Amino acid sequence: LLQQVDTPLGLYDRPQNVFVAGFIGSPAMNIGTFKI
């Protein structure tokens, strides 16, 4: 499934979902689930 198509900077700055956020970038983005 296509997750997102964008410029490299667009993917990096505005990932459209958690998968893209965690996949793009080295080292990886810090991602966690927290209570509000």
PDB file of all heavy atoms in Angstrom:
ATOM      1  N   LEU A   1       0.825  -1.204   0.000  1.00  0.00           N
ATOM      2  CA  LEU A   1       0.000   0.000   0.000  1.00  0.00           C
ATOM      3  C   LEU A   1       0.864   1.261   0.000  1.00  0.00           C
ATOM      4  O   LEU A   1       1.871   1.341   0.720  1.00  0.00           O
ATOM      5  CB  LEU A   1      -0.911   0.025   1.229  1.00  0.00           C
ATOM      6  CG  LEU A   1      -1.998  -1.062   1.285  1.00  0.00           C
ATOM      7  CD1 LEU A   1      -2.635  -1.090   2.671  1.00  0.00           C
ATOM      8  CD2 LEU A   1      -3.062  -0.819   0.223  1.00  0.00           C
ATOM      9  N   LEU A   2       0.472   2.223  -0.799  1.00  0.00           N
ATOM     10  CA  LEU A   2       1.141   3.516  -0.818  1.00  0.00           C
ATOM     11  C   LEU A   2       0.846   4.262   0.478  1.00  0.00           C
ATOM     12  O   LEU A   2      -0.321   4.499   0.814  1.00  0.00           O
ATOM     13  CB  LEU A   2       0.656   4.327  -2.020  1.00  0.00           C
ATOM     14  CG  LEU A   2       1.146   5.770  -2.126  1.00  0.00           C
ATOM     15  CD1 LEU A   2       2.654   5.807  -2.276  1.00  0.00           C
ATOM     16  CD2 LEU A   2       0.485   6.471  -3.312  1.00  0.00           C
ATOM     17  N   GLN A   3       1.885   4.638   1.195  1.00  0.00           N
ATOM     18  CA  GLN A   3       1.721   5.361   2.452  1.00  0.00           C
ATOM     19  C   GLN A   3       1.795   6.871   2.257  1.00  0.00           C
ATOM     20  O   GLN A   3       0.998   7.625   2.809  1.00  0.00           O
ATOM     21  CB  GLN A   3       2.803   4.931   3.451  1.00  0.00           C
ATOM     22  CG  GLN A   3       2.815   3.445   3.769  1.00  0.00           C
ATOM     23  CD  GLN A   3       1.564   3.007   4.494  1.00  0.00           C
ATOM     24  OE1 GLN A   3       1.195   3.570   5.516  1.00  0.00           O
ATOM     25  NE2 GLN A   3       0.893   1.985   3.971  1.00  0.00           N
ATOM     26  N   GLN A   4       2.770   7.302   1.474  1.00  0.00           N
ATOM     27  CA  GLN A   4       2.937   8.739   1.226  1.00  0.00           C
ATOM     28  C   GLN A   4       3.914   8.922   0.083  1.00  0.00           C
ATOM     29  O   GLN A   4       4.874   8.161  -0.065  1.00  0.00           O
ATOM     30  CB  GLN A   4       3.458   9.451   2.484  1.00  0.00           C
ATOM     31  CG  GLN A   4       3.503  10.985   2.350  1.00  0.00           C
ATOM     32  CD  GLN A   4       3.945  11.663   3.644  1.00  0.00           C
ATOM     33  OE1 GLN A   4       4.052  11.037   4.687  1.00  0.00           O
ATOM     34  NE2 GLN A   4       4.172  12.964   3.585  1.00  0.00           N
ATOM     35  N   VAL A   5       3.668   9.911  -0.757  1.00  0.00           N
ATOM     36  CA  VAL A   5       4.628  10.300  -1.789  1.00  0.00           C
ATOM     37  C   VAL A   5       4.806  11.809  -1.690  1.00  0.00           C
ATOM     38  O   VAL A   5       3.834  12.558  -1.673  1.00  0.00           O
ATOM     39  CB  VAL A   5       4.181   9.842  -3.195  1.00  0.00           C
ATOM     40  CG1 VAL A   5       2.813  10.398  -3.565  1.00  0.00           C
ATOM     41  CG2 VAL A   5       5.221  10.227  -4.237  1.00  0.00           C
ATOM     42  N   ASP A   6       6.066  12.234  -1.589  1.00  0.00           N
ATOM     43  CA  ASP A   6       6.344  13.652  -1.358  1.00  0.00           C
ATOM     44  C   ASP A   6       7.824  13.893  -1.638  1.00  0.00           C
ATOM     45  O   ASP A   6       8.586  12.962  -1.906  1.00  0.00           O
ATOM     46  CB  ASP A   6       6.003  14.022   0.096  1.00  0.00           C
ATOM     47  CG  ASP A   6       5.678  15.504   0.278  1.00  0.00           C
ATOM     48  OD1 ASP A   6       6.087  16.313  -0.585  1.00  0.00           O
ATOM     49  OD2 ASP A   6       5.015  15.849   1.268  1.00  0.00           O
ATOM     50  N   THR A   7       8.224  15.143  -1.571  1.00  0.00           N
ATOM     51  CA  THR A   7       9.644  15.458  -1.648  1.00  0.00           C
ATOM     52  C   THR A   7      10.337  14.890  -0.403  1.00  0.00           C
ATOM     53  O   THR A   7       9.680  14.646   0.617  1.00  0.00           O
ATOM     54  CB  THR A   7       9.867  16.977  -1.688  1.00  0.00           C
ATOM     55  OG1 THR A   7       9.372  17.540  -0.461  1.00  0.00           O
ATOM     56  CG2 THR A   7       9.147  17.599  -2.864  1.00  0.00           C
ATOM     57  N   PRO A   8      11.654  14.676  -0.465  1.00  0.00           N
ATOM     58  CA  PRO A   8      12.343  14.177   0.740  1.00  0.00           C
ATOM     59  C   PRO A   8      12.097  15.045   1.966  1.00  0.00           C
ATOM     60  O   PRO A   8      11.817  14.530   3.053  1.00  0.00           O
ATOM     61  CB  PRO A   8      13.823  14.199   0.316  1.00  0.00           C
ATOM     62  CG  PRO A   8      13.790  13.983  -1.164  1.00  0.00           C
ATOM     63  CD  PRO A   8      12.567  14.734  -1.630  1.00  0.00           C
ATOM     64  N   LEU A   9      12.151  16.363   1.798  1.00  0.00           N
ATOM     65  CA  LEU A   9      11.933  17.257   2.941  1.00  0.00           C
ATOM     66  C   LEU A   9      10.486  17.200   3.419  1.00  0.00           C
ATOM     67  O   LEU A   9      10.211  17.254   4.618  1.00  0.00           O
ATOM     68  CB  LEU A   9      12.310  18.694   2.570  1.00  0.00           C
ATOM     69  CG  LEU A   9      12.352  19.699   3.725  1.00  0.00           C
ATOM     70  CD1 LEU A   9      13.353  19.251   4.790  1.00  0.00           C
ATOM     71  CD2 LEU A   9      12.697  21.094   3.214  1.00  0.00           C
ATOM     72  N   GLY A  10       9.543  17.050   2.467  1.00  0.00           N
ATOM     73  CA  GLY A  10       8.140  16.941   2.841  1.00  0.00           C
ATOM     74  C   GLY A  10       7.871  15.708   3.686  1.00  0.00           C
ATOM     75  O   GLY A  10       7.129  15.757   4.671  1.00  0.00           O
ATOM     76  N   LEU A  11       8.479  14.578   3.311  1.00  0.00           N
ATOM     77  CA  LEU A  11       8.335  13.358   4.099  1.00  0.00           C
ATOM     78  C   LEU A  11       8.915  13.533   5.492  1.00  0.00           C
ATOM     79  O   LEU A  11       8.354  13.055   6.481  1.00  0.00           O
ATOM     80  CB  LEU A  11       9.055  12.195   3.409  1.00  0.00           C
ATOM     81  CG  LEU A  11       8.419  11.578   2.171  1.00  0.00           C
ATOM     82  CD1 LEU A  11       9.344  10.509   1.617  1.00  0.00           C
ATOM     83  CD2 LEU A  11       7.072  10.971   2.487  1.00  0.00           C
ATOM     84  N   TYR A  12      10.043  14.196   5.555  1.00  0.00           N
ATOM     85  CA  TYR A  12      10.746  14.355   6.824  1.00  0.00           C
ATOM     86  C   TYR A  12       9.997  15.298   7.765  1.00  0.00           C
ATOM     87  O   TYR A  12       9.855  15.028   8.963  1.00  0.00           O
ATOM     88  CB  TYR A  12      12.154  14.885   6.555  1.00  0.00           C
ATOM     89  CG  TYR A  12      13.097  14.789   7.732  1.00  0.00           C
ATOM     90  CD1 TYR A  12      13.760  13.605   8.016  1.00  0.00           C
ATOM     91  CD2 TYR A  12      13.321  15.893   8.563  1.00  0.00           C
ATOM     92  CE1 TYR A  12      14.635  13.514   9.090  1.00  0.00           C
ATOM     93  CE2 TYR A  12      14.189  15.800   9.641  1.00  0.00           C
ATOM     94  CZ  TYR A  12      14.838  14.606   9.897  1.00  0.00           C
ATOM     95  OH  TYR A  12      15.687  14.526  10.971  1.00  0.00           O
ATOM     96  N   ASP A  13       9.494  16.404   7.191  1.00  0.00           N
ATOM     97  CA  ASP A  13       8.868  17.433   8.021  1.00  0.00           C
ATOM     98  C   ASP A  13       7.414  17.138   8.362  1.00  0.00           C
ATOM     99  O   ASP A  13       6.928  17.536   9.418  1.00  0.00           O
ATOM    100  CB  ASP A  13       8.942  18.795   7.316  1.00  0.00           C
ATOM    101  CG  ASP A  13      10.330  19.409   7.401  1.00  0.00           C
ATOM    102  OD1 ASP A  13      11.134  18.940   8.223  1.00  0.00           O
ATOM    103  OD2 ASP A  13      10.601  20.351   6.636  1.00  0.00           O
ATOM    104  N   ARG A  14       6.693  16.450   7.441  1.00  0.00           N
ATOM    105  CA  ARG A  14       5.263  16.209   7.672  1.00  0.00           C
ATOM    106  C   ARG A  14       4.882  14.777   7.293  1.00  0.00           C
ATOM    107  O   ARG A  14       4.135  14.558   6.322  1.00  0.00           O
ATOM    108  CB  ARG A  14       4.404  17.207   6.884  1.00  0.00           C
ATOM    109  CG  ARG A  14       4.448  18.613   7.457  1.00  0.00           C
ATOM    110  CD  ARG A  14       3.329  19.472   6.888  1.00  0.00           C
ATOM    111  NE  ARG A  14       2.001  18.986   7.222  1.00  0.00           N
ATOM    112  CZ  ARG A  14       1.372  19.225   8.361  1.00  0.00           C
ATOM    113  NH1 ARG A  14       1.968  19.913   9.328  1.00  0.00           N
ATOM    114  NH2 ARG A  14       0.146  18.767   8.560  1.00  0.00           N
ATOM    115  N   PRO A  15       5.396  13.793   8.014  1.00  0.00           N
ATOM    116  CA  PRO A  15       4.981  12.408   7.750  1.00  0.00           C
ATOM    117  C   PRO A  15       3.490  12.248   7.999  1.00  0.00           C
ATOM    118  O   PRO A  15       2.962  12.755   8.998  1.00  0.00           O
ATOM    119  CB  PRO A  15       5.817  11.597   8.750  1.00  0.00           C
ATOM    120  CG  PRO A  15       6.169  12.571   9.838  1.00  0.00           C
ATOM    121  CD  PRO A  15       6.307  13.900   9.166  1.00  0.00           C
ATOM    122  N   GLN A  16       2.814  11.532   7.096  1.00  0.00           N
ATOM    123  CA  GLN A  16       1.357  11.447   7.174  1.00  0.00           C
ATOM    124  C   GLN A  16       0.852  10.382   8.142  1.00  0.00           C
ATOM    125  O   GLN A  16      -0.326  10.354   8.466  1.00  0.00           O
ATOM    126  CB  GLN A  16       0.774  11.199   5.778  1.00  0.00           C
ATOM    127  CG  GLN A  16       0.887  12.391   4.860  1.00  0.00           C
ATOM    128  CD  GLN A  16       0.219  13.632   5.455  1.00  0.00           C
ATOM    129  OE1 GLN A  16      -0.975  13.621   5.750  1.00  0.00           O
ATOM    130  NE2 GLN A  16       0.989  14.694   5.651  1.00  0.00           N
ATOM    131  N   ASN A  17       1.734   9.479   8.557  1.00  0.00           N
ATOM    132  CA  ASN A  17       1.309   8.471   9.528  1.00  0.00           C
ATOM    133  C   ASN A  17       2.508   7.992  10.336  1.00  0.00           C
ATOM    134  O   ASN A  17       3.661   8.378  10.062  1.00  0.00           O
ATOM    135  CB  ASN A  17       0.581   7.303   8.844  1.00  0.00           C
ATOM    136  CG  ASN A  17       1.421   6.641   7.776  1.00  0.00           C
ATOM    137  OD1 ASN A  17       2.605   6.363   7.978  1.00  0.00           O
ATOM    138  ND2 ASN A  17       0.812   6.358   6.623  1.00  0.00           N
ATOM    139  N   VAL A  18       2.233   7.158  11.315  1.00  0.00           N
ATOM    140  CA  VAL A  18       3.279   6.700  12.232  1.00  0.00           C
ATOM    141  C   VAL A  18       4.340   5.886  11.497  1.00  0.00           C
ATOM    142  O   VAL A  18       5.536   5.995  11.793  1.00  0.00           O
ATOM    143  CB  VAL A  18       2.654   5.857  13.372  1.00  0.00           C
ATOM    144  CG1 VAL A  18       3.738   5.190  14.210  1.00  0.00           C
ATOM    145  CG2 VAL A  18       1.794   6.742  14.266  1.00  0.00           C
ATOM    146  N   PHE A  19       3.922   5.074  10.515  1.00  0.00           N
ATOM    147  CA  PHE A  19       4.898   4.261   9.790  1.00  0.00           C
ATOM    148  C   PHE A  19       5.914   5.137   9.069  1.00  0.00           C
ATOM    149  O   PHE A  19       7.127   4.919   9.182  1.00  0.00           O
ATOM    150  CB  PHE A  19       4.209   3.335   8.786  1.00  0.00           C
ATOM    151  CG  PHE A  19       5.191   2.580   7.938  1.00  0.00           C
ATOM    152  CD1 PHE A  19       5.859   1.479   8.449  1.00  0.00           C
ATOM    153  CD2 PHE A  19       5.492   2.996   6.650  1.00  0.00           C
ATOM    154  CE1 PHE A  19       6.805   0.806   7.686  1.00  0.00           C
ATOM    155  CE2 PHE A  19       6.426   2.334   5.876  1.00  0.00           C
ATOM    156  CZ  PHE A  19       7.082   1.220   6.405  1.00  0.00           C
ATOM    157  N   VAL A  20       5.453   6.121   8.323  1.00  0.00           N
ATOM    158  CA  VAL A  20       6.372   6.996   7.585  1.00  0.00           C
ATOM    159  C   VAL A  20       7.268   7.754   8.558  1.00  0.00           C
ATOM    160  O   VAL A  20       8.473   7.908   8.335  1.00  0.00           O
ATOM    161  CB  VAL A  20       5.593   7.979   6.686  1.00  0.00           C
ATOM    162  CG1 VAL A  20       6.545   8.962   6.011  1.00  0.00           C
ATOM    163  CG2 VAL A  20       4.792   7.213   5.638  1.00  0.00           C
ATOM    164  N   ALA A  21       6.683   8.213   9.661  1.00  0.00           N
ATOM    165  CA  ALA A  21       7.453   8.945  10.671  1.00  0.00           C
ATOM    166  C   ALA A  21       8.601   8.104  11.212  1.00  0.00           C
ATOM    167  O   ALA A  21       9.726   8.589  11.382  1.00  0.00           O
ATOM    168  CB  ALA A  21       6.541   9.382  11.811  1.00  0.00           C
ATOM    169  N   GLY A  22       8.331   6.828  11.468  1.00  0.00           N
ATOM    170  CA  GLY A  22       9.359   5.966  12.026  1.00  0.00           C
ATOM    171  C   GLY A  22      10.341   5.457  10.999  1.00  0.00           C
ATOM    172  O   GLY A  22      11.487   5.148  11.324  1.00  0.00           O
ATOM    173  N   PHE A  23       9.907   5.378   9.735  1.00  0.00           N
ATOM    174  CA  PHE A  23      10.771   4.822   8.693  1.00  0.00           C
ATOM    175  C   PHE A  23      11.744   5.851   8.137  1.00  0.00           C
ATOM    176  O   PHE A  23      12.890   5.538   7.830  1.00  0.00           O
ATOM    177  CB  PHE A  23       9.910   4.256   7.552  1.00  0.00           C
ATOM    178  CG  PHE A  23      10.706   3.491   6.528  1.00  0.00           C
ATOM    179  CD1 PHE A  23      11.086   2.182   6.766  1.00  0.00           C
ATOM    180  CD2 PHE A  23      11.095   4.089   5.341  1.00  0.00           C
ATOM    181  CE1 PHE A  23      11.837   1.481   5.836  1.00  0.00           C
ATOM    182  CE2 PHE A  23      11.837   3.397   4.409  1.00  0.00           C
ATOM    183  CZ  PHE A  23      12.203   2.087   4.655  1.00  0.00           C
ATOM    184  N   ILE A  24      11.278   7.085   7.991  1.00  0.00           N
ATOM    185  CA  ILE A  24      12.108   8.134   7.387  1.00  0.00           C
ATOM    186  C   ILE A  24      12.882   8.869   8.480  1.00  0.00           C
ATOM    187  O   ILE A  24      12.306   9.370   9.436  1.00  0.00           O
ATOM    188  CB  ILE A  24      11.241   9.126   6.592  1.00  0.00           C
ATOM    189  CG1 ILE A  24      10.554   8.415   5.420  1.00  0.00           C
ATOM    190  CG2 ILE A  24      12.065  10.302   6.108  1.00  0.00           C
ATOM    191  CD1 ILE A  24      11.489   7.871   4.367  1.00  0.00           C
ATOM    192  N   GLY A  25      14.183   8.936   8.295  1.00  0.00           N
ATOM    193  CA  GLY A  25      15.038   9.623   9.257  1.00  0.00           C
ATOM    194  C   GLY A  25      16.021   8.683   9.907  1.00  0.00           C
ATOM    195  O   GLY A  25      15.693   7.547  10.219  1.00  0.00           O
ATOM    196  N   SER A  26      17.255   9.127  10.075  1.00  0.00           N
ATOM    197  CA  SER A  26      18.291   8.315  10.701  1.00  0.00           C
ATOM    198  C   SER A  26      19.170   9.213  11.576  1.00  0.00           C
ATOM    199  O   SER A  26      19.776  10.174  11.070  1.00  0.00           O
ATOM    200  CB  SER A  26      19.155   7.639   9.632  1.00  0.00           C
ATOM    201  OG  SER A  26      20.149   6.834  10.204  1.00  0.00           O
ATOM    202  N   PRO A  27      19.215   8.929  12.885  1.00  0.00           N
ATOM    203  CA  PRO A  27      18.463   7.925  13.643  1.00  0.00           C
ATOM    204  C   PRO A  27      16.959   8.164  13.554  1.00  0.00           C
ATOM    205  O   PRO A  27      16.507   9.243  13.186  1.00  0.00           O
ATOM    206  CB  PRO A  27      18.965   8.110  15.076  1.00  0.00           C
ATOM    207  CG  PRO A  27      20.256   8.851  14.970  1.00  0.00           C
ATOM    208  CD  PRO A  27      20.107   9.721  13.765  1.00  0.00           C
ATOM    209  N   ALA A  28      16.220   7.129  13.924  1.00  0.00           N
ATOM    210  CA  ALA A  28      14.769   7.176  13.786  1.00  0.00           C
ATOM    211  C   ALA A  28      14.136   8.194  14.731  1.00  0.00           C
ATOM    212  O   ALA A  28      14.702   8.557  15.763  1.00  0.00           O
ATOM    213  CB  ALA A  28      14.184   5.794  14.053  1.00  0.00           C
ATOM    214  N   MET A  29      12.933   8.619  14.344  1.00  0.00           N
ATOM    215  CA  MET A  29      12.152   9.507  15.203  1.00  0.00           C
ATOM    216  C   MET A  29      11.799   8.797  16.508  1.00  0.00           C
ATOM    217  O   MET A  29      11.547   7.597  16.519  1.00  0.00           O
ATOM    218  CB  MET A  29      10.861   9.922  14.474  1.00  0.00           C
ATOM    219  CG  MET A  29       9.968  10.859  15.273  1.00  0.00           C
ATOM    220  SD  MET A  29       8.381  11.207  14.470  1.00  0.00           S
ATOM    221  CE  MET A  29       8.865  12.281  13.136  1.00  0.00           C
ATOM    222  N   ASN A  30      11.783   9.531  17.603  1.00  0.00           N
ATOM    223  CA  ASN A  30      11.253   9.026  18.871  1.00  0.00           C
ATOM    224  C   ASN A  30       9.730   8.996  18.772  1.00  0.00           C
ATOM    225  O   ASN A  30       9.108  10.023  18.463  1.00  0.00           O
ATOM    226  CB  ASN A  30      11.663   9.940  20.026  1.00  0.00           C
ATOM    227  CG  ASN A  30      13.161  10.080  20.151  1.00  0.00           C
ATOM    228  OD1 ASN A  30      13.849   9.147  20.526  1.00  0.00           O
ATOM    229  ND2 ASN A  30      13.677  11.263  19.827  1.00  0.00           N
ATOM    230  N   ILE A  31       9.124   7.860  19.004  1.00  0.00           N
ATOM    231  CA  ILE A  31       7.668   7.745  18.922  1.00  0.00           C
ATOM    232  C   ILE A  31       7.175   6.959  20.127  1.00  0.00           C
ATOM    233  O   ILE A  31       7.693   5.887  20.443  1.00  0.00           O
ATOM    234  CB  ILE A  31       7.229   7.022  17.627  1.00  0.00           C
ATOM    235  CG1 ILE A  31       7.700   7.803  16.393  1.00  0.00           C
ATOM    236  CG2 ILE A  31       5.709   6.859  17.590  1.00  0.00           C
ATOM    237  CD1 ILE A  31       7.429   7.104  15.084  1.00  0.00           C
ATOM    238  N   GLY A  32       6.179   7.486  20.806  1.00  0.00           N
ATOM    239  CA  GLY A  32       5.596   6.799  21.953  1.00  0.00           C
ATOM    240  C   GLY A  32       4.135   7.169  22.120  1.00  0.00           C
ATOM    241  O   GLY A  32       3.667   8.179  21.580  1.00  0.00           O
ATOM    242  N   THR A  33       3.400   6.357  22.834  1.00  0.00           N
ATOM    243  CA  THR A  33       1.992   6.616  23.119  1.00  0.00           C
ATOM    244  C   THR A  33       1.860   7.058  24.576  1.00  0.00           C
ATOM    245  O   THR A  33       2.324   6.365  25.486  1.00  0.00           O
ATOM    246  CB  THR A  33       1.139   5.361  22.861  1.00  0.00           C
ATOM    247  OG1 THR A  33       1.260   5.011  21.485  1.00  0.00           O
ATOM    248  CG2 THR A  33      -0.321   5.619  23.187  1.00  0.00           C
ATOM    249  N   PHE A  34       1.241   8.223  24.791  1.00  0.00           N
ATOM    250  CA  PHE A  34       1.191   8.820  26.117  1.00  0.00           C
ATOM    251  C   PHE A  34      -0.237   9.236  26.467  1.00  0.00           C
ATOM    252  O   PHE A  34      -1.028   9.598  25.585  1.00  0.00           O
ATOM    253  CB  PHE A  34       2.108  10.043  26.187  1.00  0.00           C
ATOM    254  CG  PHE A  34       3.526   9.754  25.784  1.00  0.00           C
ATOM    255  CD1 PHE A  34       3.969  10.028  24.493  1.00  0.00           C
ATOM    256  CD2 PHE A  34       4.400   9.173  26.679  1.00  0.00           C
ATOM    257  CE1 PHE A  34       5.277   9.755  24.124  1.00  0.00           C
ATOM    258  CE2 PHE A  34       5.711   8.900  26.320  1.00  0.00           C
ATOM    259  CZ  PHE A  34       6.147   9.185  25.041  1.00  0.00           C
ATOM    260  N   LYS A  35      -0.562   9.194  27.740  1.00  0.00           N
ATOM    261  CA  LYS A  35      -1.880   9.616  28.207  1.00  0.00           C
ATOM    262  C   LYS A  35      -2.025  11.130  28.098  1.00  0.00           C
ATOM    263  O   LYS A  35      -1.063  11.880  28.282  1.00  0.00           O
ATOM    264  CB  LYS A  35      -2.094   9.189  29.667  1.00  0.00           C
ATOM    265  CG  LYS A  35      -2.480   7.729  29.816  1.00  0.00           C
ATOM    266  CD  LYS A  35      -2.925   7.447  31.243  1.00  0.00           C
ATOM    267  CE  LYS A  35      -3.478   6.024  31.362  1.00  0.00           C
ATOM    268  NZ  LYS A  35      -3.962   5.733  32.721  1.00  0.00           N
ATOM    269  N   ILE A  36      -3.265  11.568  27.800  1.00  0.00           N
ATOM    270  CA  ILE A  36      -3.594  12.991  27.788  1.00  0.00           C
ATOM    271  C   ILE A  36      -4.348  13.315  29.082  1.00  0.00           C
ATOM    272  O   ILE A  36      -5.382  12.711  29.373  1.00  0.00           O
ATOM    273  CB  ILE A  36      -4.468  13.352  26.573  1.00  0.00           C
ATOM    274  CG1 ILE A  36      -3.740  13.034  25.267  1.00  0.00           C
ATOM    275  CG2 ILE A  36      -4.862  14.831  26.610  1.00  0.00           C
ATOM    276  CD1 ILE A  36      -4.587  13.241  24.032  1.00  0.00           C
TER     277      ILE A  36
END
